[in-house]
Amino acid sequence: MSTTDDAPATAAPVVTGIADPAPLGLAAFALTTFLLSAANAGWMNSATGNAWLGYAFAYGGFVQLLAGMWEFRNRNVFGATAFATYGGFWIGLAIWVLLVAEAGPTSGVAALVYAGKADKDLGWILLAFAIFNTYMLLWSTQLNVAVFLVFLTLEATEIILFIGFFANSSGVHKFGGWIGVLTALVAWYASAAGVLNGMKGRPVVPVGGPLFRLGD
């Protein structure tokens, strides 16, 4: 996620002497998002549905947080803010599941009431991150089309999911899972482009340019 005007956001930086951490951060975000979204979409009915949980700590969380810290080293304020925030999101969500969602009653009416309140928790969490994502979506227009599409599909995912949790609608929740899978695929594309473009030192896989210029 480079902030330079003359290089794609996924190209390897040349001024710092270190590799671009953006493809790693995007890959960590994509895989964890895919696992959770597949469960939300109802694709994991034959599994526990919690395949995402460990990776929320280790990959989407810790590794993405590292990518954000390395973006600070690259003086890339957008990449640092995005990766560190969503690394924190995954770690926080995993902790919330373990300490809150799974700490309630396990049977009877009390369990149903608690589950309903937990859904409202998730609604508020996703609403908060949708607010953050809104201004990151706006500023991603200054990078390239691939990064913009990551934030655009993520915005749609968060909005649909928080509506689904507030409305207690399994259908809306499932639809949010489908859009989340799309978000993961777009992020994987941006990551793959960044890997090859970084290896070649030039744009090979297209990512597009800024949608428009601000402040020129």
N, C-alpha and C. Protein backbone atom coordinates (compact mmCIF):
# COMPACT_ATOMS: atom_id res chain seq x y z
N MET A 1 0.83 -1.19 0.00
CA MET A 1 0.00 0.00 0.00
C MET A 1 0.87 1.25 0.00
N SER A 2 1.64 1.45 -1.04
CA SER A 2 2.51 2.60 -1.13
C SER A 2 1.70 3.87 -1.29
N THR A 3 2.22 4.96 -0.77
CA THR A 3 1.53 6.23 -0.91
C THR A 3 2.19 7.12 -1.94
N THR A 4 3.17 6.60 -2.69
CA THR A 4 3.79 7.40 -3.73
C THR A 4 2.86 7.53 -4.91
N ASP A 5 3.04 8.60 -5.69
CA ASP A 5 2.14 8.87 -6.81
C ASP A 5 2.55 8.14 -8.07
N ASP A 6 3.83 7.76 -8.17
CA ASP A 6 4.30 7.23 -9.45
C ASP A 6 4.58 5.74 -9.39
N ALA A 7 4.15 5.04 -8.35
CA ALA A 7 4.36 3.61 -8.25
C ALA A 7 3.10 2.96 -7.73
N PRO A 8 2.80 1.74 -8.22
CA PRO A 8 1.61 1.06 -7.70
C PRO A 8 1.77 0.74 -6.23
N ALA A 9 0.64 0.66 -5.54
CA ALA A 9 0.67 0.50 -4.09
C ALA A 9 1.28 -0.82 -3.67
N THR A 10 1.33 -1.79 -4.58
CA THR A 10 1.85 -3.10 -4.20
C THR A 10 3.28 -3.31 -4.70
N ALA A 11 3.91 -2.29 -5.30
CA ALA A 11 5.29 -2.43 -5.77
C ALA A 11 6.24 -2.34 -4.58
N ALA A 12 7.41 -3.01 -4.71
CA ALA A 12 8.37 -3.00 -3.62
C ALA A 12 8.99 -1.63 -3.47
N PRO A 13 9.05 -1.10 -2.24
CA PRO A 13 9.68 0.21 -2.04
C PRO A 13 11.18 0.13 -2.29
N VAL A 14 11.76 1.17 -2.82
CA VAL A 14 13.18 1.14 -3.15
C VAL A 14 14.01 2.04 -2.24
N VAL A 15 13.36 2.89 -1.45
CA VAL A 15 14.11 3.87 -0.68
C VAL A 15 14.52 3.34 0.69
N THR A 16 13.85 2.34 1.20
CA THR A 16 14.14 1.90 2.56
C THR A 16 15.04 0.67 2.60
N GLY A 17 15.17 -0.02 1.51
CA GLY A 17 16.00 -1.21 1.50
C GLY A 17 15.35 -2.42 2.11
N ILE A 18 14.06 -2.37 2.43
CA ILE A 18 13.36 -3.54 2.96
C ILE A 18 12.20 -3.89 2.04
N ALA A 19 11.74 -5.12 2.12
CA ALA A 19 10.65 -5.57 1.26
C ALA A 19 9.35 -4.90 1.65
N ASP A 20 8.46 -4.76 0.67
CA ASP A 20 7.14 -4.18 0.91
C ASP A 20 6.32 -5.16 1.74
N PRO A 21 5.85 -4.76 2.92
CA PRO A 21 5.05 -5.66 3.75
C PRO A 21 3.59 -5.77 3.33
N ALA A 22 3.15 -4.93 2.37
CA ALA A 22 1.73 -4.91 2.01
C ALA A 22 1.21 -6.25 1.49
N PRO A 23 1.93 -6.96 0.60
CA PRO A 23 1.40 -8.25 0.15
C PRO A 23 1.19 -9.24 1.28
N LEU A 24 2.07 -9.23 2.28
CA LEU A 24 1.91 -10.11 3.44
C LEU A 24 0.69 -9.70 4.25
N GLY A 25 0.55 -8.41 4.51
CA GLY A 25 -0.60 -7.95 5.27
C GLY A 25 -1.92 -8.25 4.57
N LEU A 26 -1.94 -8.05 3.25
CA LEU A 26 -3.15 -8.35 2.48
C LEU A 26 -3.46 -9.84 2.49
N ALA A 27 -2.43 -10.68 2.40
CA ALA A 27 -2.65 -12.12 2.42
C ALA A 27 -3.19 -12.58 3.77
N ALA A 28 -2.65 -12.02 4.85
CA ALA A 28 -3.12 -12.37 6.19
C ALA A 28 -4.58 -11.95 6.38
N PHE A 29 -4.89 -10.76 5.91
CA PHE A 29 -6.27 -10.28 5.99
C PHE A 29 -7.19 -11.15 5.16
N ALA A 30 -6.75 -11.50 3.94
CA ALA A 30 -7.60 -12.25 3.02
C ALA A 30 -7.94 -13.64 3.56
N LEU A 31 -6.93 -14.36 4.06
CA LEU A 31 -7.18 -15.73 4.50
C LEU A 31 -8.12 -15.77 5.71
N THR A 32 -7.88 -14.90 6.67
CA THR A 32 -8.72 -14.92 7.87
C THR A 32 -10.14 -14.47 7.53
N THR A 33 -10.26 -13.47 6.66
CA THR A 33 -11.57 -13.02 6.22
C THR A 33 -12.31 -14.12 5.47
N PHE A 34 -11.58 -14.87 4.65
CA PHE A 34 -12.20 -15.97 3.91
C PHE A 34 -12.75 -17.03 4.85
N LEU A 35 -11.98 -17.41 5.85
CA LEU A 35 -12.42 -18.47 6.76
C LEU A 35 -13.67 -18.05 7.53
N LEU A 36 -13.67 -16.83 8.07
CA LEU A 36 -14.84 -16.39 8.82
C LEU A 36 -16.04 -16.19 7.89
N SER A 37 -15.80 -15.63 6.71
CA SER A 37 -16.90 -15.37 5.78
C SER A 37 -17.50 -16.66 5.25
N ALA A 38 -16.68 -17.67 5.03
CA ALA A 38 -17.21 -18.96 4.60
C ALA A 38 -18.14 -19.54 5.65
N ALA A 39 -17.78 -19.37 6.93
CA ALA A 39 -18.67 -19.82 8.00
C ALA A 39 -19.94 -18.99 8.03
N ASN A 40 -19.82 -17.66 7.87
CA ASN A 40 -20.99 -16.80 7.86
C ASN A 40 -21.93 -17.13 6.70
N ALA A 41 -21.34 -17.52 5.57
CA ALA A 41 -22.14 -17.83 4.39
C ALA A 41 -22.82 -19.20 4.48
N GLY A 42 -22.50 -19.97 5.52
CA GLY A 42 -23.10 -21.29 5.70
C GLY A 42 -22.41 -22.40 4.98
N TRP A 43 -21.13 -22.17 4.59
CA TRP A 43 -20.39 -23.19 3.85
C TRP A 43 -19.76 -24.23 4.77
N MET A 44 -19.71 -23.97 6.06
CA MET A 44 -18.99 -24.86 6.98
C MET A 44 -19.93 -25.63 7.89
N ASN A 45 -21.07 -26.00 7.40
CA ASN A 45 -22.04 -26.72 8.23
C ASN A 45 -21.54 -28.08 8.69
N SER A 46 -20.61 -28.65 7.94
CA SER A 46 -20.06 -29.96 8.33
C SER A 46 -18.80 -29.80 9.18
N ALA A 47 -18.41 -28.55 9.46
CA ALA A 47 -17.23 -28.27 10.29
C ALA A 47 -17.68 -27.54 11.54
N THR A 48 -16.74 -27.18 12.41
CA THR A 48 -17.11 -26.47 13.63
C THR A 48 -17.52 -25.03 13.35
N GLY A 49 -17.05 -24.48 12.24
CA GLY A 49 -17.31 -23.08 11.94
C GLY A 49 -16.33 -22.12 12.59
N ASN A 50 -15.42 -22.65 13.40
CA ASN A 50 -14.44 -21.81 14.10
C ASN A 50 -13.03 -21.98 13.56
N ALA A 51 -12.92 -22.41 12.30
CA ALA A 51 -11.59 -22.56 11.70
C ALA A 51 -10.83 -21.24 11.66
N TRP A 52 -11.56 -20.13 11.64
CA TRP A 52 -10.94 -18.82 11.55
C TRP A 52 -10.29 -18.38 12.86
N LEU A 53 -10.70 -18.96 13.99
CA LEU A 53 -10.38 -18.40 15.29
C LEU A 53 -8.87 -18.35 15.57
N GLY A 54 -8.18 -19.47 15.37
CA GLY A 54 -6.74 -19.48 15.60
C GLY A 54 -6.00 -18.54 14.67
N TYR A 55 -6.48 -18.44 13.44
CA TYR A 55 -5.82 -17.58 12.46
C TYR A 55 -6.12 -16.12 12.71
N ALA A 56 -7.19 -15.83 13.43
CA ALA A 56 -7.46 -14.46 13.85
C ALA A 56 -6.39 -13.98 14.82
N PHE A 57 -5.87 -14.89 15.63
CA PHE A 57 -4.76 -14.55 16.51
C PHE A 57 -3.43 -14.50 15.75
N ALA A 58 -3.13 -15.58 15.01
CA ALA A 58 -1.78 -15.77 14.49
C ALA A 58 -1.51 -15.08 13.16
N TYR A 59 -2.47 -15.12 12.24
CA TYR A 59 -2.20 -14.65 10.87
C TYR A 59 -2.89 -13.31 10.61
N GLY A 60 -4.21 -13.30 10.63
CA GLY A 60 -4.92 -12.05 10.43
C GLY A 60 -4.63 -11.05 11.52
N GLY A 61 -4.31 -11.53 12.72
CA GLY A 61 -4.02 -10.66 13.84
C GLY A 61 -2.55 -10.31 13.95
N PHE A 62 -1.73 -11.24 14.42
CA PHE A 62 -0.33 -10.96 14.72
C PHE A 62 0.48 -10.62 13.48
N VAL A 63 0.36 -11.44 12.43
CA VAL A 63 1.14 -11.19 11.22
C VAL A 63 0.72 -9.88 10.55
N GLN A 64 -0.57 -9.61 10.52
CA GLN A 64 -1.02 -8.36 9.92
C GLN A 64 -0.57 -7.15 10.76
N LEU A 65 -0.56 -7.31 12.06
CA LEU A 65 -0.05 -6.26 12.93
C LEU A 65 1.43 -6.00 12.66
N LEU A 66 2.19 -7.07 12.45
CA LEU A 66 3.60 -6.91 12.09
C LEU A 66 3.74 -6.15 10.78
N ALA A 67 2.89 -6.49 9.80
CA ALA A 67 2.93 -5.78 8.53
C ALA A 67 2.69 -4.29 8.74
N GLY A 68 1.76 -3.97 9.64
CA GLY A 68 1.51 -2.57 9.94
C GLY A 68 2.72 -1.89 10.56
N MET A 69 3.43 -2.59 11.46
CA MET A 69 4.62 -2.00 12.06
C MET A 69 5.72 -1.80 11.03
N TRP A 70 5.85 -2.74 10.10
CA TRP A 70 6.85 -2.58 9.04
C TRP A 70 6.48 -1.45 8.08
N GLU A 71 5.18 -1.20 7.92
CA GLU A 71 4.76 -0.06 7.11
C GLU A 71 5.15 1.25 7.79
N PHE A 72 5.17 1.29 9.12
CA PHE A 72 5.69 2.46 9.82
C PHE A 72 7.16 2.68 9.44
N ARG A 73 7.91 1.58 9.36
CA ARG A 73 9.32 1.68 8.94
C ARG A 73 9.43 2.22 7.53
N ASN A 74 8.46 1.92 6.70
CA ASN A 74 8.44 2.42 5.32
C ASN A 74 7.87 3.82 5.21
N ARG A 75 7.51 4.42 6.34
CA ARG A 75 6.89 5.75 6.36
C ARG A 75 5.60 5.78 5.54
N ASN A 76 4.89 4.69 5.55
CA ASN A 76 3.62 4.57 4.82
C ASN A 76 2.48 4.64 5.83
N VAL A 77 1.94 5.85 6.01
CA VAL A 77 0.94 6.05 7.05
C VAL A 77 -0.35 5.29 6.74
N PHE A 78 -0.73 5.20 5.47
CA PHE A 78 -1.96 4.49 5.12
C PHE A 78 -1.82 3.00 5.43
N GLY A 79 -0.76 2.38 4.94
CA GLY A 79 -0.56 0.95 5.17
C GLY A 79 -0.41 0.62 6.63
N ALA A 80 0.33 1.47 7.36
CA ALA A 80 0.53 1.23 8.79
C ALA A 80 -0.80 1.29 9.53
N THR A 81 -1.60 2.30 9.22
CA THR A 81 -2.88 2.46 9.90
C THR A 81 -3.84 1.32 9.56
N ALA A 82 -3.89 0.95 8.28
CA ALA A 82 -4.82 -0.10 7.85
C ALA A 82 -4.45 -1.46 8.43
N PHE A 83 -3.21 -1.87 8.25
CA PHE A 83 -2.81 -3.20 8.69
C PHE A 83 -2.82 -3.33 10.21
N ALA A 84 -2.31 -2.31 10.91
CA ALA A 84 -2.30 -2.38 12.37
C ALA A 84 -3.72 -2.40 12.93
N THR A 85 -4.62 -1.61 12.33
CA THR A 85 -5.99 -1.57 12.82
C THR A 85 -6.69 -2.90 12.60
N TYR A 86 -6.57 -3.47 11.40
CA TYR A 86 -7.27 -4.72 11.15
C TYR A 86 -6.57 -5.92 11.79
N GLY A 87 -5.26 -5.80 12.04
CA GLY A 87 -4.63 -6.81 12.88
C GLY A 87 -5.23 -6.80 14.28
N GLY A 88 -5.40 -5.57 14.82
CA GLY A 88 -6.05 -5.44 16.12
C GLY A 88 -7.50 -5.90 16.10
N PHE A 89 -8.18 -5.66 14.97
CA PHE A 89 -9.56 -6.12 14.84
C PHE A 89 -9.65 -7.64 15.01
N TRP A 90 -8.79 -8.37 14.31
CA TRP A 90 -8.87 -9.83 14.38
C TRP A 90 -8.50 -10.36 15.75
N ILE A 91 -7.47 -9.78 16.36
CA ILE A 91 -7.10 -10.22 17.71
C ILE A 91 -8.23 -9.90 18.69
N GLY A 92 -8.78 -8.70 18.59
CA GLY A 92 -9.87 -8.31 19.47
C GLY A 92 -11.10 -9.16 19.29
N LEU A 93 -11.43 -9.49 18.04
CA LEU A 93 -12.61 -10.32 17.78
C LEU A 93 -12.43 -11.72 18.36
N ALA A 94 -11.23 -12.27 18.20
CA ALA A 94 -10.97 -13.60 18.75
C ALA A 94 -11.06 -13.59 20.27
N ILE A 95 -10.51 -12.56 20.91
CA ILE A 95 -10.60 -12.46 22.37
C ILE A 95 -12.06 -12.30 22.80
N TRP A 96 -12.82 -11.50 22.06
CA TRP A 96 -14.23 -11.31 22.39
C TRP A 96 -14.99 -12.64 22.32
N VAL A 97 -14.71 -13.43 21.30
CA VAL A 97 -15.39 -14.73 21.17
C VAL A 97 -15.08 -15.60 22.37
N LEU A 98 -13.81 -15.66 22.77
CA LEU A 98 -13.42 -16.55 23.86
C LEU A 98 -13.89 -16.05 25.22
N LEU A 99 -13.83 -14.74 25.44
CA LEU A 99 -14.14 -14.19 26.77
C LEU A 99 -15.59 -13.77 26.95
N VAL A 100 -16.28 -13.51 25.85
CA VAL A 100 -17.66 -13.03 25.95
C VAL A 100 -18.64 -14.01 25.32
N ALA A 101 -18.50 -14.27 24.04
CA ALA A 101 -19.49 -15.10 23.34
C ALA A 101 -19.58 -16.50 23.92
N GLU A 102 -18.42 -17.08 24.27
CA GLU A 102 -18.42 -18.45 24.77
C GLU A 102 -18.49 -18.51 26.29
N ALA A 103 -18.66 -17.36 26.94
CA ALA A 103 -18.71 -17.34 28.41
C ALA A 103 -20.13 -17.36 28.93
N GLY A 104 -21.10 -17.27 28.05
CA GLY A 104 -22.48 -17.21 28.48
C GLY A 104 -23.09 -18.57 28.74
N PRO A 105 -24.37 -18.61 29.09
CA PRO A 105 -25.07 -19.87 29.33
C PRO A 105 -25.06 -20.74 28.07
N THR A 106 -25.08 -22.03 28.25
CA THR A 106 -24.99 -22.94 27.11
C THR A 106 -26.30 -23.63 26.77
N SER A 107 -27.33 -23.43 27.56
CA SER A 107 -28.60 -24.09 27.27
C SER A 107 -29.76 -23.29 27.85
N GLY A 108 -30.93 -23.59 27.33
CA GLY A 108 -32.14 -22.98 27.86
C GLY A 108 -32.40 -21.59 27.32
N VAL A 109 -33.41 -20.95 27.89
CA VAL A 109 -33.82 -19.61 27.47
C VAL A 109 -32.70 -18.60 27.70
N ALA A 110 -31.99 -18.77 28.78
CA ALA A 110 -30.90 -17.84 29.10
C ALA A 110 -29.85 -17.83 28.00
N ALA A 111 -29.58 -18.99 27.42
CA ALA A 111 -28.60 -19.06 26.33
C ALA A 111 -29.09 -18.30 25.11
N LEU A 112 -30.38 -18.40 24.81
CA LEU A 112 -30.93 -17.68 23.66
C LEU A 112 -30.89 -16.18 23.88
N VAL A 113 -31.21 -15.75 25.10
CA VAL A 113 -31.17 -14.32 25.40
C VAL A 113 -29.74 -13.80 25.30
N TYR A 114 -28.81 -14.57 25.84
CA TYR A 114 -27.40 -14.14 25.81
C TYR A 114 -26.89 -14.08 24.38
N ALA A 115 -27.26 -15.06 23.56
CA ALA A 115 -26.83 -15.07 22.16
C ALA A 115 -27.37 -13.84 21.42
N GLY A 116 -28.60 -13.45 21.73
CA GLY A 116 -29.16 -12.26 21.11
C GLY A 116 -28.39 -11.00 21.49
N LYS A 117 -27.99 -10.91 22.75
CA LYS A 117 -27.21 -9.76 23.19
C LYS A 117 -25.81 -9.79 22.58
N ALA A 118 -25.25 -10.98 22.42
CA ALA A 118 -23.94 -11.09 21.79
C ALA A 118 -23.99 -10.63 20.33
N ASP A 119 -25.08 -10.94 19.65
CA ASP A 119 -25.25 -10.46 18.28
C ASP A 119 -25.25 -8.93 18.23
N LYS A 120 -25.88 -8.31 19.22
CA LYS A 120 -25.88 -6.84 19.27
C LYS A 120 -24.47 -6.31 19.52
N ASP A 121 -23.69 -7.02 20.35
CA ASP A 121 -22.27 -6.65 20.52
C ASP A 121 -21.57 -6.61 19.17
N LEU A 122 -21.75 -7.67 18.40
CA LEU A 122 -21.10 -7.74 17.09
C LEU A 122 -21.58 -6.63 16.17
N GLY A 123 -22.85 -6.30 16.27
CA GLY A 123 -23.36 -5.19 15.48
C GLY A 123 -22.64 -3.90 15.79
N TRP A 124 -22.44 -3.60 17.08
CA TRP A 124 -21.74 -2.38 17.47
C TRP A 124 -20.28 -2.41 17.05
N ILE A 125 -19.64 -3.57 17.21
CA ILE A 125 -18.24 -3.71 16.80
C ILE A 125 -18.09 -3.43 15.31
N LEU A 126 -18.93 -4.05 14.50
CA LEU A 126 -18.83 -3.88 13.06
C LEU A 126 -19.22 -2.48 12.62
N LEU A 127 -20.17 -1.86 13.31
CA LEU A 127 -20.51 -0.48 13.01
C LEU A 127 -19.30 0.43 13.25
N ALA A 128 -18.61 0.21 14.36
CA ALA A 128 -17.43 1.03 14.67
C ALA A 128 -16.36 0.88 13.60
N PHE A 129 -16.12 -0.36 13.17
CA PHE A 129 -15.09 -0.57 12.15
C PHE A 129 -15.55 -0.08 10.79
N ALA A 130 -16.84 -0.09 10.53
CA ALA A 130 -17.35 0.48 9.27
C ALA A 130 -17.10 1.98 9.22
N ILE A 131 -17.21 2.65 10.36
CA ILE A 131 -16.91 4.09 10.41
C ILE A 131 -15.44 4.33 10.08
N PHE A 132 -14.56 3.55 10.72
CA PHE A 132 -13.13 3.65 10.40
C PHE A 132 -12.89 3.36 8.93
N ASN A 133 -13.50 2.30 8.43
CA ASN A 133 -13.25 1.87 7.06
C ASN A 133 -13.74 2.90 6.05
N THR A 134 -14.75 3.72 6.42
CA THR A 134 -15.29 4.70 5.49
C THR A 134 -14.24 5.72 5.07
N TYR A 135 -13.50 6.28 6.05
CA TYR A 135 -12.49 7.25 5.62
C TYR A 135 -11.27 6.59 5.00
N MET A 136 -10.97 5.34 5.39
CA MET A 136 -9.89 4.63 4.70
C MET A 136 -10.29 4.31 3.26
N LEU A 137 -11.58 4.01 3.03
CA LEU A 137 -12.07 3.81 1.68
C LEU A 137 -11.89 5.07 0.85
N LEU A 138 -12.23 6.21 1.41
CA LEU A 138 -12.07 7.47 0.69
C LEU A 138 -10.61 7.74 0.34
N TRP A 139 -9.71 7.51 1.31
CA TRP A 139 -8.29 7.79 1.04
C TRP A 139 -7.66 6.73 0.15
N SER A 140 -8.24 5.53 0.08
CA SER A 140 -7.70 4.50 -0.81
C SER A 140 -7.86 4.87 -2.28
N THR A 141 -8.74 5.84 -2.57
CA THR A 141 -8.88 6.31 -3.95
C THR A 141 -7.59 6.95 -4.45
N GLN A 142 -6.71 7.33 -3.53
CA GLN A 142 -5.46 7.97 -3.90
C GLN A 142 -4.35 6.96 -4.19
N LEU A 143 -4.63 5.67 -4.01
CA LEU A 143 -3.61 4.64 -4.19
C LEU A 143 -3.78 3.95 -5.54
N ASN A 144 -4.61 2.93 -5.57
CA ASN A 144 -4.87 2.26 -6.85
C ASN A 144 -6.21 1.54 -6.78
N VAL A 145 -6.63 1.03 -7.92
CA VAL A 145 -7.96 0.41 -8.02
C VAL A 145 -8.04 -0.85 -7.16
N ALA A 146 -6.98 -1.65 -7.14
CA ALA A 146 -7.01 -2.91 -6.39
C ALA A 146 -7.23 -2.65 -4.90
N VAL A 147 -6.49 -1.72 -4.35
CA VAL A 147 -6.63 -1.40 -2.93
C VAL A 147 -8.00 -0.78 -2.66
N PHE A 148 -8.45 0.09 -3.55
CA PHE A 148 -9.78 0.68 -3.40
C PHE A 148 -10.86 -0.39 -3.36
N LEU A 149 -10.75 -1.41 -4.23
CA LEU A 149 -11.76 -2.47 -4.25
C LEU A 149 -11.73 -3.31 -2.98
N VAL A 150 -10.55 -3.48 -2.38
CA VAL A 150 -10.47 -4.18 -1.10
C VAL A 150 -11.30 -3.44 -0.06
N PHE A 151 -11.11 -2.14 0.04
CA PHE A 151 -11.83 -1.37 1.04
C PHE A 151 -13.30 -1.19 0.68
N LEU A 152 -13.62 -1.17 -0.60
CA LEU A 152 -15.02 -1.05 -1.01
C LEU A 152 -15.80 -2.31 -0.64
N THR A 153 -15.26 -3.48 -0.97
CA THR A 153 -15.95 -4.73 -0.63
C THR A 153 -15.97 -4.95 0.87
N LEU A 154 -14.91 -4.51 1.57
CA LEU A 154 -14.90 -4.63 3.03
C LEU A 154 -15.96 -3.72 3.65
N GLU A 155 -16.11 -2.52 3.09
CA GLU A 155 -17.15 -1.61 3.59
C GLU A 155 -18.53 -2.25 3.46
N ALA A 156 -18.79 -2.85 2.29
CA ALA A 156 -20.09 -3.50 2.08
C ALA A 156 -20.27 -4.66 3.06
N THR A 157 -19.21 -5.43 3.28
CA THR A 157 -19.29 -6.56 4.21
C THR A 157 -19.65 -6.09 5.61
N GLU A 158 -18.95 -5.08 6.09
CA GLU A 158 -19.18 -4.60 7.46
C GLU A 158 -20.59 -4.01 7.62
N ILE A 159 -21.03 -3.26 6.63
CA ILE A 159 -22.36 -2.65 6.72
C ILE A 159 -23.44 -3.73 6.71
N ILE A 160 -23.33 -4.68 5.78
CA ILE A 160 -24.34 -5.74 5.70
C ILE A 160 -24.35 -6.57 6.99
N LEU A 161 -23.17 -6.88 7.52
CA LEU A 161 -23.12 -7.70 8.72
C LEU A 161 -23.66 -6.96 9.95
N PHE A 162 -23.32 -5.68 10.10
CA PHE A 162 -23.85 -5.02 11.31
C PHE A 162 -25.36 -4.83 11.21
N ILE A 163 -25.88 -4.65 10.01
CA ILE A 163 -27.34 -4.62 9.85
C ILE A 163 -27.93 -5.98 10.21
N GLY A 164 -27.30 -7.04 9.73
CA GLY A 164 -27.78 -8.39 10.02
C GLY A 164 -27.77 -8.71 11.50
N PHE A 165 -26.72 -8.28 12.21
CA PHE A 165 -26.64 -8.56 13.65
C PHE A 165 -27.64 -7.73 14.44
N PHE A 166 -27.80 -6.46 14.07
CA PHE A 166 -28.77 -5.63 14.78
C PHE A 166 -30.21 -6.11 14.53
N ALA A 167 -30.46 -6.57 13.29
CA ALA A 167 -31.81 -7.02 12.93
C ALA A 167 -32.06 -8.48 13.28
N ASN A 168 -31.02 -9.18 13.74
CA ASN A 168 -31.12 -10.60 14.04
C ASN A 168 -31.65 -11.37 12.83
N SER A 169 -31.07 -11.07 11.66
CA SER A 169 -31.50 -11.67 10.40
C SER A 169 -30.43 -12.64 9.90
N SER A 170 -30.73 -13.92 9.91
CA SER A 170 -29.77 -14.91 9.43
C SER A 170 -29.54 -14.77 7.93
N GLY A 171 -30.58 -14.34 7.20
CA GLY A 171 -30.43 -14.17 5.76
C GLY A 171 -29.46 -13.05 5.41
N VAL A 172 -29.58 -11.91 6.10
CA VAL A 172 -28.66 -10.80 5.88
C VAL A 172 -27.26 -11.19 6.31
N HIS A 173 -27.16 -11.90 7.43
CA HIS A 173 -25.87 -12.38 7.94
C HIS A 173 -25.20 -13.28 6.90
N LYS A 174 -25.96 -14.17 6.30
CA LYS A 174 -25.41 -15.08 5.29
C LYS A 174 -24.96 -14.31 4.06
N PHE A 175 -25.76 -13.32 3.65
CA PHE A 175 -25.38 -12.49 2.51
C PHE A 175 -24.07 -11.76 2.79
N GLY A 176 -23.91 -11.27 4.02
CA GLY A 176 -22.66 -10.63 4.41
C GLY A 176 -21.48 -11.58 4.30
N GLY A 177 -21.72 -12.85 4.57
CA GLY A 177 -20.67 -13.85 4.41
C GLY A 177 -20.23 -13.97 2.96
N TRP A 178 -21.18 -13.96 2.05
CA TRP A 178 -20.84 -14.03 0.62
C TRP A 178 -20.02 -12.81 0.20
N ILE A 179 -20.41 -11.64 0.63
CA ILE A 179 -19.65 -10.44 0.28
C ILE A 179 -18.27 -10.47 0.94
N GLY A 180 -18.20 -11.06 2.13
CA GLY A 180 -16.90 -11.21 2.79
C GLY A 180 -15.97 -12.12 2.01
N VAL A 181 -16.51 -13.19 1.42
CA VAL A 181 -15.69 -14.06 0.56
C VAL A 181 -15.16 -13.26 -0.63
N LEU A 182 -16.01 -12.44 -1.22
CA LEU A 182 -15.57 -11.58 -2.32
C LEU A 182 -14.46 -10.64 -1.86
N THR A 183 -14.60 -10.09 -0.67
CA THR A 183 -13.56 -9.22 -0.11
C THR A 183 -12.24 -9.95 -0.01
N ALA A 184 -12.28 -11.19 0.48
CA ALA A 184 -11.05 -11.98 0.60
C ALA A 184 -10.41 -12.23 -0.76
N LEU A 185 -11.22 -12.53 -1.76
CA LEU A 185 -10.68 -12.79 -3.10
C LEU A 185 -10.01 -11.54 -3.68
N VAL A 186 -10.63 -10.39 -3.48
CA VAL A 186 -10.04 -9.14 -3.97
C VAL A 186 -8.72 -8.87 -3.24
N ALA A 187 -8.69 -9.09 -1.93
CA ALA A 187 -7.46 -8.88 -1.16
C ALA A 187 -6.38 -9.85 -1.59
N TRP A 188 -6.74 -11.09 -1.87
CA TRP A 188 -5.75 -12.06 -2.37
C TRP A 188 -5.18 -11.60 -3.71
N TYR A 189 -6.02 -11.06 -4.57
CA TYR A 189 -5.53 -10.56 -5.86
C TYR A 189 -4.52 -9.44 -5.64
N ALA A 190 -4.86 -8.48 -4.79
CA ALA A 190 -3.95 -7.38 -4.52
C ALA A 190 -2.64 -7.88 -3.92
N SER A 191 -2.73 -8.89 -3.06
CA SER A 191 -1.53 -9.48 -2.47
C SER A 191 -0.68 -10.17 -3.53
N ALA A 192 -1.32 -10.98 -4.37
CA ALA A 192 -0.58 -11.69 -5.42
C ALA A 192 0.09 -10.72 -6.38
N ALA A 193 -0.62 -9.64 -6.72
CA ALA A 193 -0.04 -8.62 -7.59
C ALA A 193 1.19 -8.00 -6.93
N GLY A 194 1.09 -7.72 -5.63
CA GLY A 194 2.20 -7.12 -4.92
C GLY A 194 3.41 -8.03 -4.86
N VAL A 195 3.18 -9.33 -4.71
CA VAL A 195 4.31 -10.27 -4.66
C VAL A 195 5.07 -10.27 -5.98
N LEU A 196 4.35 -10.46 -7.09
CA LEU A 196 5.04 -10.54 -8.38
C LEU A 196 5.61 -9.20 -8.80
N ASN A 197 4.85 -8.12 -8.60
CA ASN A 197 5.37 -6.80 -8.96
C ASN A 197 6.61 -6.45 -8.14
N GLY A 198 6.61 -6.88 -6.87
CA GLY A 198 7.78 -6.65 -6.04
C GLY A 198 8.97 -7.48 -6.47
N MET A 199 8.70 -8.72 -6.90
CA MET A 199 9.79 -9.58 -7.38
C MET A 199 10.43 -9.02 -8.64
N LYS A 200 9.60 -8.49 -9.53
CA LYS A 200 10.09 -7.98 -10.81
C LYS A 200 10.58 -6.54 -10.72
N GLY A 201 10.18 -5.84 -9.66
CA GLY A 201 10.58 -4.46 -9.53
C GLY A 201 9.86 -3.52 -10.48
N ARG A 202 8.76 -3.98 -11.03
CA ARG A 202 7.98 -3.16 -11.96
C ARG A 202 6.58 -3.74 -12.02
N PRO A 203 5.58 -2.95 -12.48
CA PRO A 203 4.22 -3.47 -12.58
C PRO A 203 4.11 -4.57 -13.63
N VAL A 204 3.71 -5.76 -13.20
CA VAL A 204 3.47 -6.88 -14.11
C VAL A 204 1.99 -7.27 -14.05
N VAL A 205 1.50 -7.49 -12.84
CA VAL A 205 0.07 -7.76 -12.63
C VAL A 205 -0.62 -6.41 -12.42
N PRO A 206 -1.63 -6.09 -13.21
CA PRO A 206 -2.24 -4.75 -13.12
C PRO A 206 -2.99 -4.53 -11.81
N VAL A 207 -2.79 -3.35 -11.25
CA VAL A 207 -3.54 -2.93 -10.06
C VAL A 207 -4.24 -1.60 -10.28
N GLY A 208 -4.00 -0.98 -11.43
CA GLY A 208 -4.62 0.30 -11.72
C GLY A 208 -3.94 1.45 -10.99
N GLY A 209 -4.42 2.64 -11.25
CA GLY A 209 -3.86 3.82 -10.61
C GLY A 209 -4.88 4.47 -9.70
N PRO A 210 -4.53 5.65 -9.18
CA PRO A 210 -5.50 6.38 -8.33
C PRO A 210 -6.77 6.70 -9.09
N LEU A 211 -7.89 6.67 -8.39
CA LEU A 211 -9.15 6.99 -9.05
C LEU A 211 -9.22 8.48 -9.39
N PHE A 212 -8.67 9.31 -8.54
CA PHE A 212 -8.55 10.75 -8.80
C PHE A 212 -7.52 11.30 -7.84
N ARG A 213 -7.18 12.57 -8.01
CA ARG A 213 -6.16 13.20 -7.19
C ARG A 213 -6.77 14.21 -6.23
N LEU A 214 -6.36 14.14 -4.98
CA LEU A 214 -6.78 15.12 -4.00
C LEU A 214 -5.62 16.05 -3.68
N GLY A 215 -5.90 17.32 -3.54
CA GLY A 215 -4.91 18.26 -3.08
C GLY A 215 -3.90 18.68 -4.12
N ASP A 216 -4.13 18.34 -5.40
CA ASP A 216 -3.21 18.77 -6.45
C ASP A 216 -3.56 20.16 -6.94
